[in-house]
Structure formats: structure tokens, C-alpha cells
C-alpha atoms as a PDB file:
ATOM      1  CA  MET A   1      47.485 -12.370  44.831  1.00  0.00           C
ATOM      2  CA  PHE A   2      48.548 -13.456  41.392  1.00  0.00           C
ATOM      3  CA  GLY A   3      47.470 -17.010  42.183  1.00  0.00           C
ATOM      4  CA  GLU A   4      44.062 -15.895  43.318  1.00  0.00           C
ATOM      5  CA  CYS A   5      43.671 -13.836  40.192  1.00  0.00           C
ATOM      6  CA  GLU A   6      44.606 -16.739  37.982  1.00  0.00           C
ATOM      7  CA  ILE A   7      42.216 -19.063  39.779  1.00  0.00           C
ATOM      8  CA  GLN A   8      39.411 -16.560  39.433  1.00  0.00           C
ATOM      9  CA  ILE A   9      39.980 -16.292  35.726  1.00  0.00           C
ATOM     10  CA  VAL A  10      40.003 -20.053  35.290  1.00  0.00           C
ATOM     11  CA  GLU A  11      36.886 -20.487  37.402  1.00  0.00           C
ATOM     12  CA  THR A  12      35.054 -17.811  35.473  1.00  0.00           C
ATOM     13  CA  TYR A  13      35.980 -19.396  32.159  1.00  0.00           C
ATOM     14  CA  MET A  14      34.995 -22.859  33.345  1.00  0.00           C
ATOM     15  CA  HIS A  15      31.733 -21.497  34.735  1.00  0.00           C
ATOM     16  CA  GLN A  16      30.943 -19.738  31.469  1.00  0.00           C
ATOM     17  CA  THR A  17      31.844 -22.849  29.486  1.00  0.00           C
ATOM     18  CA  ASN A  18      29.614 -25.039  31.602  1.00  0.00           C
ATOM     19  CA  ASN A  19      26.768 -22.537  31.236  1.00  0.00           C
ATOM     20  CA  LEU A  20      27.229 -22.550  27.468  1.00  0.00           C
ATOM     21  CA  ARG A  21      27.171 -26.332  27.383  1.00  0.00           C
ATOM     22  CA  ASN A  22      23.859 -26.284  29.212  1.00  0.00           C
ATOM     23  CA  VAL A  23      22.279 -23.867  26.717  1.00  0.00           C
ATOM     24  CA  ASP A  24      20.442 -25.110  23.640  1.00  0.00           C
ATOM     25  CA  LEU A  25      21.986 -22.848  21.008  1.00  0.00           C
ATOM     26  CA  ASN A  26      18.939 -23.363  18.795  1.00  0.00           C
ATOM     27  CA  LEU A  27      17.141 -21.108  21.261  1.00  0.00           C
ATOM     28  CA  LEU A  28      19.312 -18.232  20.077  1.00  0.00           C
ATOM     29  CA  VAL A  29      18.240 -18.831  16.493  1.00  0.00           C
ATOM     30  CA  ILE A  30      14.614 -18.765  17.607  1.00  0.00           C
ATOM     31  CA  LEU A  31      15.185 -15.571  19.586  1.00  0.00           C
ATOM     32  CA  ASP A  32      16.819 -13.898  16.582  1.00  0.00           C
ATOM     33  CA  VAL A  33      13.812 -14.698  14.380  1.00  0.00           C
ATOM     34  CA  LEU A  34      11.355 -13.632  17.086  1.00  0.00           C
ATOM     35  CA  LEU A  35      13.112 -10.283  17.431  1.00  0.00           C
ATOM     36  CA  THR A  36      12.898  -9.819  13.674  1.00  0.00           C
ATOM     37  CA  GLU A  37       9.293 -10.922  13.163  1.00  0.00           C
ATOM     38  CA  ARG A  38       7.916  -9.763  16.534  1.00  0.00           C
ATOM     39  CA  HIS A  39       5.147 -12.297  16.070  1.00  0.00           C
ATOM     40  CA  VAL A  40       5.053 -15.932  17.207  1.00  0.00           C
ATOM     41  CA  SER A  41       3.067 -17.266  14.224  1.00  0.00           C
ATOM     42  CA  ARG A  42       5.294 -15.627  11.610  1.00  0.00           C
ATOM     43  CA  ALA A  43       8.414 -16.747  13.465  1.00  0.00           C
ATOM     44  CA  ALA A  44       7.052 -20.306  13.519  1.00  0.00           C
ATOM     45  CA  ILE A  45       6.556 -20.226   9.751  1.00  0.00           C
ATOM     46  CA  ARG A  46      10.099 -18.961   9.137  1.00  0.00           C
ATOM     47  CA  LEU A  47      11.543 -21.562  11.502  1.00  0.00           C
ATOM     48  CA  ASN A  48       9.371 -24.382  10.132  1.00  0.00           C
ATOM     49  CA  MET A  49       8.163 -25.039  13.672  1.00  0.00           C
ATOM     50  CA  SER A  50       4.750 -25.221  15.269  1.00  0.00           C
ATOM     51  CA  GLN A  51       3.462 -22.142  17.062  1.00  0.00           C
ATOM     52  CA  PRO A  52       3.319 -23.958  20.457  1.00  0.00           C
ATOM     53  CA  ALA A  53       6.953 -25.024  20.019  1.00  0.00           C
ATOM     54  CA  VAL A  54       8.037 -21.427  19.414  1.00  0.00           C
ATOM     55  CA  SER A  55       5.992 -20.243  22.405  1.00  0.00           C
ATOM     56  CA  HIS A  56       7.660 -22.906  24.555  1.00  0.00           C
ATOM     57  CA  ALA A  57      11.091 -21.817  23.314  1.00  0.00           C
ATOM     58  CA  LEU A  58      10.267 -18.201  24.168  1.00  0.00           C
ATOM     59  CA  ALA A  59       9.303 -19.281  27.690  1.00  0.00           C
ATOM     60  CA  ARG A  60      12.666 -21.064  28.055  1.00  0.00           C
ATOM     61  CA  LEU A  61      14.499 -17.986  26.773  1.00  0.00           C
ATOM     62  CA  ARG A  62      12.678 -15.786  29.279  1.00  0.00           C
ATOM     63  CA  ASP A  63      13.723 -18.120  32.075  1.00  0.00           C
ATOM     64  CA  LEU A  64      17.295 -18.369  30.789  1.00  0.00           C
ATOM     65  CA  LEU A  65      17.782 -14.613  30.413  1.00  0.00           C
ATOM     66  CA  ASP A  66      15.545 -13.636  33.335  1.00  0.00           C
ATOM     67  CA  ASP A  67      13.645 -11.129  31.210  1.00  0.00           C
ATOM     68  CA  PRO A  68      10.278 -11.078  29.384  1.00  0.00           C
ATOM     69  CA  LEU A  69      12.184 -10.264  26.143  1.00  0.00           C
ATOM     70  CA  LEU A  70       8.994  -9.723  24.106  1.00  0.00           C
ATOM     71  CA  VAL A  71       5.712  -8.401  25.458  1.00  0.00           C
ATOM     72  CA  ARG A  72       2.373  -8.388  23.672  1.00  0.00           C
ATOM     73  CA  GLU A  73       1.157  -5.107  22.232  1.00  0.00           C
ATOM     74  CA  GLY A  74      -1.809  -5.113  19.873  1.00  0.00           C
ATOM     75  CA  ALA A  75      -1.473  -7.860  17.272  1.00  0.00           C
ATOM     76  CA  GLY A  76       2.281  -8.277  17.730  1.00  0.00           C
ATOM     77  CA  LEU A  77       5.139  -8.340  20.212  1.00  0.00           C
ATOM     78  CA  VAL A  78       7.384  -5.511  21.382  1.00  0.00           C
ATOM     79  CA  PRO A  79      10.974  -6.171  22.559  1.00  0.00           C
ATOM     80  CA  THR A  80      12.035  -5.164  26.041  1.00  0.00           C
ATOM     81  CA  LEU A  81      15.077  -2.979  26.655  1.00  0.00           C
ATOM     82  CA  LYS A  82      17.231  -6.031  27.314  1.00  0.00           C
ATOM     83  CA  ALA A  83      16.028  -7.681  24.112  1.00  0.00           C
ATOM     84  CA  MET A  84      16.923  -4.581  22.101  1.00  0.00           C
ATOM     85  CA  GLU A  85      20.368  -4.507  23.711  1.00  0.00           C
ATOM     86  CA  ILE A  86      21.168  -8.090  22.745  1.00  0.00           C
ATOM     87  CA  ALA A  87      19.518  -8.062  19.297  1.00  0.00           C
ATOM     88  CA  LYS A  88      22.494  -6.725  17.327  1.00  0.00           C
ATOM     89  CA  PRO A  89      25.230  -8.818  19.001  1.00  0.00           C
ATOM     90  CA  LEU A  90      22.992 -11.884  18.720  1.00  0.00           C
ATOM     91  CA  THR A  91      22.579 -11.373  14.973  1.00  0.00           C
ATOM     92  CA  GLU A  92      26.328 -10.842  14.566  1.00  0.00           C
ATOM     93  CA  VAL A  93      27.135 -14.037  16.479  1.00  0.00           C
ATOM     94  CA  LEU A  94      24.691 -16.120  14.453  1.00  0.00           C
ATOM     95  CA  THR A  95      26.001 -14.630  11.212  1.00  0.00           C
ATOM     96  CA  GLY A  96      29.479 -15.729  12.223  1.00  0.00           C
ATOM     97  CA  VAL A  97      28.298 -19.230  13.104  1.00  0.00           C
ATOM     98  CA  ARG A  98      26.509 -19.570   9.776  1.00  0.00           C
ATOM     99  CA  ALA A  99      29.659 -18.445   7.973  1.00  0.00           C
ATOM    100  CA  VAL A 100      31.650 -21.146   9.779  1.00  0.00           C
ATOM    101  CA  LEU A 101      29.135 -23.865   9.015  1.00  0.00           C
ATOM    102  CA  GLY A 102      28.796 -22.805   5.397  1.00  0.00           C
ATOM    103  CA  PRO A 103      25.983 -21.195   3.405  1.00  0.00           C
ATOM    104  CA  GLN A 104      22.585 -22.809   3.412  1.00  0.00           C
ATOM    105  CA  GLY A 105      21.016 -20.823   0.616  1.00  0.00           C
ATOM    106  CA  PHE A 106      17.529 -21.125  -0.781  1.00  0.00           C
ATOM    107  CA  ASP A 107      17.543 -23.647  -3.626  1.00  0.00           C
ATOM    108  CA  PRO A 108      14.362 -23.317  -5.694  1.00  0.00           C
ATOM    109  CA  ALA A 109      15.018 -26.589  -7.488  1.00  0.00           C
ATOM    110  CA  THR A 110      14.909 -28.675  -4.290  1.00  0.00           C
ATOM    111  CA  THR A 111      12.826 -26.633  -1.840  1.00  0.00           C
ATOM    112  CA  GLN A 112       9.550 -28.229  -0.734  1.00  0.00           C
ATOM    113  CA  TYR A 113       7.107 -25.622   0.570  1.00  0.00           C
ATOM    114  CA  ARG A 114       3.528 -24.418   0.220  1.00  0.00           C
ATOM    115  CA  PHE A 115       3.205 -20.632   0.045  1.00  0.00           C
ATOM    116  CA  HIS A 116      -0.101 -19.047   1.019  1.00  0.00           C
ATOM    117  CA  LEU A 117      -0.875 -15.971  -1.089  1.00  0.00           C
ATOM    118  CA  SER A 118      -3.803 -13.581  -1.137  1.00  0.00           C
ATOM    119  CA  MET A 119      -4.905 -11.368  -4.019  1.00  0.00           C
ATOM    120  CA  SER A 120      -7.948 -10.300  -6.005  1.00  0.00           C
ATOM    121  CA  ASP A 121      -8.834 -11.918  -9.310  1.00  0.00           C
ATOM    122  CA  TYR A 122      -7.314  -8.809 -10.933  1.00  0.00           C
ATOM    123  CA  GLY A 123      -4.030  -9.484  -9.144  1.00  0.00           C
ATOM    124  CA  GLY A 124      -4.306 -13.145 -10.032  1.00  0.00           C
ATOM    125  CA  SER A 125      -4.785 -12.421 -13.725  1.00  0.00           C
ATOM    126  CA  ILE A 126      -1.724 -10.164 -13.737  1.00  0.00           C
ATOM    127  CA  LEU A 127       0.658 -12.190 -11.570  1.00  0.00           C
ATOM    128  CA  LEU A 128      -0.280 -15.851 -11.462  1.00  0.00           C
ATOM    129  CA  PRO A 129       0.133 -17.049 -15.070  1.00  0.00           C
ATOM    130  CA  GLY A 130       3.785 -16.011 -15.285  1.00  0.00           C
ATOM    131  CA  LEU A 131       4.546 -16.967 -11.680  1.00  0.00           C
ATOM    132  CA  VAL A 132       3.092 -20.460 -12.017  1.00  0.00           C
ATOM    133  CA  ARG A 133       4.985 -21.103 -15.260  1.00  0.00           C
ATOM    134  CA  GLU A 134       8.278 -20.059 -13.636  1.00  0.00           C
ATOM    135  CA  LEU A 135       7.636 -22.183 -10.549  1.00  0.00           C
ATOM    136  CA  ARG A 136       6.748 -25.284 -12.545  1.00  0.00           C
ATOM    137  CA  LYS A 137       9.923 -24.851 -14.566  1.00  0.00           C
ATOM    138  CA  ASP A 138      12.433 -23.866 -11.867  1.00  0.00           C
ATOM    139  CA  ALA A 139      10.831 -24.762  -8.504  1.00  0.00           C
ATOM    140  CA  PRO A 140       8.507 -27.760  -8.941  1.00  0.00           C
ATOM    141  CA  GLY A 141       8.507 -28.470  -5.197  1.00  0.00           C
ATOM    142  CA  ILE A 142       6.866 -25.143  -4.367  1.00  0.00           C
ATOM    143  CA  ASP A 143       3.072 -25.171  -4.170  1.00  0.00           C
ATOM    144  CA  LEU A 144       0.744 -22.170  -4.065  1.00  0.00           C
ATOM    145  CA  ALA A 145      -2.517 -21.739  -2.172  1.00  0.00           C
ATOM    146  CA  VAL A 146      -4.235 -18.526  -3.306  1.00  0.00           C
ATOM    147  CA  SER A 147      -7.151 -16.957  -1.457  1.00  0.00           C
ATOM    148  CA  GLN A 148      -9.054 -13.684  -1.591  1.00  0.00           C
ATOM    149  CA  PHE A 149      -9.816 -11.413   1.347  1.00  0.00           C
ATOM    150  CA  SER A 150     -10.658  -7.788   1.872  1.00  0.00           C
ATOM    151  CA  ARG A 151      -7.705  -5.454   2.303  1.00  0.00           C
ATOM    152  CA  GLU A 152      -8.232  -5.426   6.059  1.00  0.00           C
ATOM    153  CA  GLY A 153      -8.614  -9.197   6.154  1.00  0.00           C
ATOM    154  CA  MET A 154      -5.430  -9.651   4.171  1.00  0.00           C
ATOM    155  CA  ILE A 155      -3.432  -7.445   6.544  1.00  0.00           C
ATOM    156  CA  ALA A 156      -4.834  -9.248   9.595  1.00  0.00           C
ATOM    157  CA  ARG A 157      -3.930 -12.660   8.183  1.00  0.00           C
ATOM    158  CA  ILE A 158      -0.418 -11.552   7.297  1.00  0.00           C
ATOM    159  CA  LEU A 159       0.042 -10.362  10.880  1.00  0.00           C
ATOM    160  CA  ASP A 160      -1.343 -13.661  12.178  1.00  0.00           C
ATOM    161  CA  GLY A 161       0.948 -15.669   9.902  1.00  0.00           C
ATOM    162  CA  GLU A 162      -1.922 -17.302   7.986  1.00  0.00           C
ATOM    163  CA  ILE A 163      -0.682 -16.017   4.642  1.00  0.00           C
ATOM    164  CA  ASP A 164       2.877 -15.390   3.470  1.00  0.00           C
ATOM    165  CA  LEU A 165       2.313 -12.674   0.872  1.00  0.00           C
ATOM    166  CA  GLY A 166      -0.494 -10.355  -0.090  1.00  0.00           C
ATOM    167  CA  PHE A 167      -0.836  -8.464  -3.369  1.00  0.00           C
ATOM    168  CA  GLY A 168      -2.953  -5.344  -3.699  1.00  0.00           C
ATOM    169  CA  VAL A 169      -3.201  -1.604  -3.186  1.00  0.00           C
ATOM    170  CA  PHE A 170      -2.364  -0.667   0.407  1.00  0.00           C
ATOM    171  CA  PRO A 171      -2.452   3.070   1.161  1.00  0.00           C
ATOM    172  CA  HIS A 172      -1.734   2.431   4.839  1.00  0.00           C
ATOM    173  CA  LEU A 173       0.136  -0.491   6.395  1.00  0.00           C
ATOM    174  CA  PRO A 174       1.115  -1.376   9.982  1.00  0.00           C
ATOM    175  CA  ALA A 175       4.786  -0.880  10.781  1.00  0.00           C
ATOM    176  CA  GLN A 176       5.217  -4.647  11.253  1.00  0.00           C
ATOM    177  CA  ILE A 177       4.524  -5.360   7.583  1.00  0.00           C
ATOM    178  CA  ALA A 178       7.213  -4.937   4.942  1.00  0.00           C
ATOM    179  CA  ALA A 179       6.063  -3.913   1.458  1.00  0.00           C
ATOM    180  CA  ASP A 180       7.568  -3.435  -1.995  1.00  0.00           C
ATOM    181  CA  ILE A 181       6.065  -1.947  -5.147  1.00  0.00           C
ATOM    182  CA  ILE A 182       6.098  -4.636  -7.831  1.00  0.00           C
ATOM    183  CA  MET A 183       4.059  -2.877 -10.499  1.00  0.00           C
ATOM    184  CA  GLN A 184       2.099   0.279 -11.230  1.00  0.00           C
ATOM    185  CA  ASP A 185      -1.169   0.699 -13.073  1.00  0.00           C
ATOM    186  CA  GLU A 186      -3.511   3.558 -13.930  1.00  0.00           C
ATOM    187  CA  TYR A 187      -7.199   3.996 -13.272  1.00  0.00           C
ATOM    188  CA  VAL A 188      -9.561   4.342 -16.220  1.00  0.00           C
ATOM    189  CA  CYS A 189     -13.329   4.631 -16.607  1.00  0.00           C
ATOM    190  CA  LEU A 190     -15.336   2.001 -18.445  1.00  0.00           C
ATOM    191  CA  LEU A 191     -18.813   2.901 -19.702  1.00  0.00           C
ATOM    192  CA  ASP A 192     -21.248   2.168 -22.490  1.00  0.00           C
ATOM    193  CA  ARG A 193     -20.719   4.794 -25.195  1.00  0.00           C
ATOM    194  CA  ARG A 194     -24.434   4.695 -26.055  1.00  0.00           C
ATOM    195  CA  SER A 195     -25.272   6.007 -22.588  1.00  0.00           C
ATOM    196  CA  LEU A 196     -23.456   9.264 -23.392  1.00  0.00           C
ATOM    197  CA  LYS A 197     -25.926   9.982 -26.219  1.00  0.00           C
ATOM    198  CA  GLY A 198     -23.291  11.966 -28.075  1.00  0.00           C
ATOM    199  CA  ARG A 199     -22.303  14.128 -25.098  1.00  0.00           C
ATOM    200  CA  GLU A 200     -18.739  14.582 -23.842  1.00  0.00           C
ATOM    201  CA  PHE A 201     -17.628  12.596 -20.826  1.00  0.00           C
ATOM    202  CA  ASP A 202     -16.589  15.151 -18.218  1.00  0.00           C
ATOM    203  CA  ILE A 203     -16.314  15.464 -14.449  1.00  0.00           C
ATOM    204  CA  GLU A 204     -19.947  16.552 -14.125  1.00  0.00           C
ATOM    205  CA  THR A 205     -21.040  13.391 -15.912  1.00  0.00           C
ATOM    206  CA  TYR A 206     -18.779  11.307 -13.678  1.00  0.00           C
ATOM    207  CA  PHE A 207     -20.442  12.542 -10.486  1.00  0.00           C
ATOM    208  CA  ALA A 208     -23.959  12.615 -11.918  1.00  0.00           C
ATOM    209  CA  ARG A 209     -23.932   8.963 -13.005  1.00  0.00           C
ATOM    210  CA  PRO A 210     -24.223   5.841 -10.791  1.00  0.00           C
ATOM    211  CA  HIS A 211     -21.129   3.710 -10.322  1.00  0.00           C
ATOM    212  CA  ALA A 212     -20.147   0.064 -10.041  1.00  0.00           C
ATOM    213  CA  LEU A 213     -17.554  -0.822  -7.421  1.00  0.00           C
ATOM    214  CA  VAL A 214     -15.333  -3.859  -6.927  1.00  0.00           C
ATOM    215  CA  ALA A 215     -14.888  -4.662  -3.226  1.00  0.00           C
ATOM    216  CA  VAL A 216     -14.880  -7.872  -1.191  1.00  0.00           C
ATOM    217  CA  ARG A 217     -16.823  -6.066   1.531  1.00  0.00           C
ATOM    218  CA  GLY A 218     -19.916  -4.189   0.462  1.00  0.00           C
ATOM    219  CA  ASP A 219     -19.251  -1.386   2.943  1.00  0.00           C
ATOM    220  CA  ALA A 220     -15.580  -0.945   2.048  1.00  0.00           C
ATOM    221  CA  THR A 221     -14.097   2.501   1.470  1.00  0.00           C
ATOM    222  CA  THR A 222     -11.724   2.463  -1.487  1.00  0.00           C
ATOM    223  CA  GLU A 223      -8.726   4.684  -2.113  1.00  0.00           C
ATOM    224  CA  ILE A 224     -10.735   6.255  -4.952  1.00  0.00           C
ATOM    225  CA  ASP A 225     -13.548   7.334  -2.649  1.00  0.00           C
ATOM    226  CA  GLU A 226     -11.088   8.497  -0.015  1.00  0.00           C
ATOM    227  CA  SER A 227      -9.377  10.708  -2.609  1.00  0.00           C
ATOM    228  CA  LEU A 228     -12.741  12.067  -3.719  1.00  0.00           C
ATOM    229  CA  ARG A 229     -13.722  12.766  -0.117  1.00  0.00           C
ATOM    230  CA  LEU A 230     -10.535  14.729   0.489  1.00  0.00           C
ATOM    231  CA  ALA A 231     -11.352  16.778  -2.617  1.00  0.00           C
ATOM    232  CA  GLY A 232     -14.879  17.430  -1.354  1.00  0.00           C
ATOM    233  CA  HIS A 233     -16.677  15.022  -3.703  1.00  0.00           C
ATOM    234  CA  THR A 234     -18.742  11.862  -3.382  1.00  0.00           C
ATOM    235  CA  ARG A 235     -20.148   9.434  -5.912  1.00  0.00           C
ATOM    236  CA  HIS A 236     -23.188   7.177  -5.804  1.00  0.00           C
ATOM    237  CA  ILE A 237     -22.300   3.480  -5.699  1.00  0.00           C
ATOM    238  CA  ALA A 238     -25.213   1.596  -7.235  1.00  0.00           C
ATOM    239  CA  VAL A 239     -23.665  -1.890  -7.501  1.00  0.00           C
ATOM    240  CA  VAL A 240     -20.915  -3.564  -5.450  1.00  0.00           C
ATOM    241  CA  VAL A 241     -19.401  -6.856  -6.645  1.00  0.00           C
ATOM    242  CA  PRO A 242     -16.489  -8.830  -5.148  1.00  0.00           C
ATOM    243  CA  HIS A 243     -14.741  -9.811  -8.390  1.00  0.00           C
ATOM    244  CA  TRP A 244     -13.035  -7.722 -11.056  1.00  0.00           C
ATOM    245  CA  GLY A 245     -13.840 -10.270 -13.740  1.00  0.00           C
ATOM    246  CA  VAL A 246     -17.606  -9.778 -13.626  1.00  0.00           C
ATOM    247  CA  ALA A 247     -17.603  -5.996 -13.143  1.00  0.00           C
ATOM    248  CA  PRO A 248     -17.062  -4.956 -16.806  1.00  0.00           C
ATOM    249  CA  GLN A 249     -19.993  -7.151 -17.852  1.00  0.00           C
ATOM    250  CA  LEU A 250     -22.320  -5.002 -15.739  1.00  0.00           C
ATOM    251  CA  ILE A 251     -21.612  -1.880 -17.773  1.00  0.00           C
ATOM    252  CA  ALA A 252     -23.076  -2.865 -21.149  1.00  0.00           C
ATOM    253  CA  ASP A 253     -26.553  -1.409 -21.792  1.00  0.00           C
ATOM    254  CA  THR A 254     -26.520   0.580 -18.523  1.00  0.00           C
ATOM    255  CA  ASP A 255     -25.648   4.073 -17.359  1.00  0.00           C
ATOM    256  CA  LEU A 256     -23.107   2.694 -14.853  1.00  0.00           C
ATOM    257  CA  ILE A 257     -19.481   3.822 -14.722  1.00  0.00           C
ATOM    258  CA  LEU A 258     -16.740   1.462 -13.577  1.00  0.00           C
ATOM    259  CA  THR A 259     -13.481   3.014 -12.387  1.00  0.00           C
ATOM    260  CA  ILE A 260     -10.950   0.228 -12.753  1.00  0.00           C
ATOM    261  CA  ALA A 261      -7.222  -0.418 -13.071  1.00  0.00           C
ATOM    262  CA  ARG A 262      -6.402  -0.671 -16.771  1.00  0.00           C
ATOM    263  CA  GLY A 263      -4.836  -4.092 -16.295  1.00  0.00           C
ATOM    264  CA  GLY A 264      -8.193  -5.411 -15.137  1.00  0.00           C
ATOM    265  CA  LEU A 265      -9.539  -4.950 -18.665  1.00  0.00           C
ATOM    266  CA  LYS A 266      -6.962  -6.987 -20.544  1.00  0.00           C
ATOM    267  CA  ASN A 267      -9.280 -10.010 -20.759  1.00  0.00           C
ATOM    268  CA  LEU A 268     -12.360  -7.919 -21.565  1.00  0.00           C
ATOM    269  CA  PRO A 269     -14.406  -9.559 -24.359  1.00  0.00           C
ATOM    270  CA  PRO A 270     -14.627  -7.412 -27.510  1.00  0.00           C
ATOM    271  CA  ASP A 271     -17.566  -5.003 -27.389  1.00  0.00           C
ATOM    272  CA  ASP A 272     -17.684  -1.965 -29.652  1.00  0.00           C
ATOM    273  CA  ASN A 273     -20.127  -0.260 -27.316  1.00  0.00           C
ATOM    274  CA  LEU A 274     -17.808  -0.261 -24.301  1.00  0.00           C
ATOM    275  CA  VAL A 275     -15.376   2.632 -24.180  1.00  0.00           C
ATOM    276  CA  VAL A 276     -12.354   3.167 -21.929  1.00  0.00           C
ATOM    277  CA  LEU A 277     -11.725   6.784 -20.942  1.00  0.00           C
ATOM    278  CA  PRO A 278      -9.159   8.468 -18.664  1.00  0.00           C
ATOM    279  CA  ALA A 279     -10.220   8.594 -15.026  1.00  0.00           C
END
């Protein structure tokens, strides 16, 4: 009996070893990233692989583990029960392997990569000058491609892996998207002081006057209008423009009111007739 037991142990070990030798361990790295991103395109970007290559790897993993692992739901992927069971031990194993092989940290000085960003011209005026200077000094191999989309378009392209980072105001985000607050700003009202004709600017004036709105989509609902709606108010939008830079120029010599983030006015040309008031 002892002999049989010993043989069984040896056979099991040899069988497991042979199975391990037949497994491409890179597949486990791909699976770990897929379970984190839950999206083939984003996983491909992180892995520096093509999307078809990641899809092919996922098919091999499904065959190897005899489980779908990730199933499509909406714009992303949802892990199966088996995938959730192996996620933590898989991450622990790969962490151990990386520790053995040594750290492979991000080195800004030598990294070659093109990041795709999306932001409004307001966001660009706030973030890009300092960011570009730092990159040219410390990370000359990193390139930036900046585009502008509506809020909904930005979210969709992040989910699809078309852009790496989006900057803006996002009252509601899908659970698949991670977000951090990098700055805060306050809303103010910009108007031509001559249009007040000596009267005080009050809430009645705000709702009685026409407004200019900055939105990529002409039919967009902003967080300002949503807040007003919840409070039982509406305002008349007379002009919609897609760029923050041009919006202040529409106010001079008109009765329009522009509700804008204060930072969007930092490059406003001097004009004694334009007044900034609390929103």
C-alpha cells in the first residue's frame, strides 16, 4: 500500500509538471489583466498587444481552463464564478514571480509611448501647459494626442480603449471606470455690466435673461441645468458653442449670461465692461 501511495504521488507530480510545461505562462499574465480591466481593448493597451491577439489568448485560456472566464455584458466583460475564484490566487502568484524576476518599474526617462487624452479647451488650458513642460523635461519619449468629445463620447471611448485618460466634470460614471479628483473650481457668471443698467444682479435676473452654454453637443444637458431642474427652475439657452475659449467673447454688448468655471476666464482679454459675479 505504501508503494502504491508513493507511486501515485510521483505520478501526480509528474503529471502536474508536464501540464505546467505545456502551458504558456504568459497566458496567466493576460488573464490577470483581463480580470482587472474586464475589457479586451483596454487589456490590449496595457499589455501592448493587439486586440485580436488578446482575444485569441482569451480563447486559449477558455479552452485550457474549460470555462468561459469572461462573458460579455453591455460594453464590458463580466467574470464567471470560476474566474472570480482564481483571480486572487492568480494575482498573488504573479506578484511572487515578478518579485523573483526583479522589479520592472515605469521609467519616465526611457519609456516610449503615445498617450491618448480627451478634454475640453478649458481643461487643456489648465492642464496641458504644465504637463507638456514636465514631459519634455523628464519623459521625452512620451507623446500626447489630445482630442475633444462630449462627456458621453469620452466615457464611451475610455470603455472602448480608444483613449487612456479623460479630464472633465463627470457626475455619473460607469463602475468600470476609475476616477480621481485632480482639481476643484467654482462656477461664476460672466455678463456685460452695461446690460444691468444699474440694477442689482439677482436670481430673478439670472432666470429672466438668456444664456450662453458651452457644450460639444447642442442638445446636451449640463450638471448646471440638472441642478436647476431638481430645484424646480429652468433657464433659456440662447446660444450653444463647443469651445470655452470663444464663449466669453459672445457676452460683450449683449444681454447674455455665461455660467462658467472661473479657471476658464484666466485668459480672458481685458474688458472693463465684462463683470464676473458669483453664480
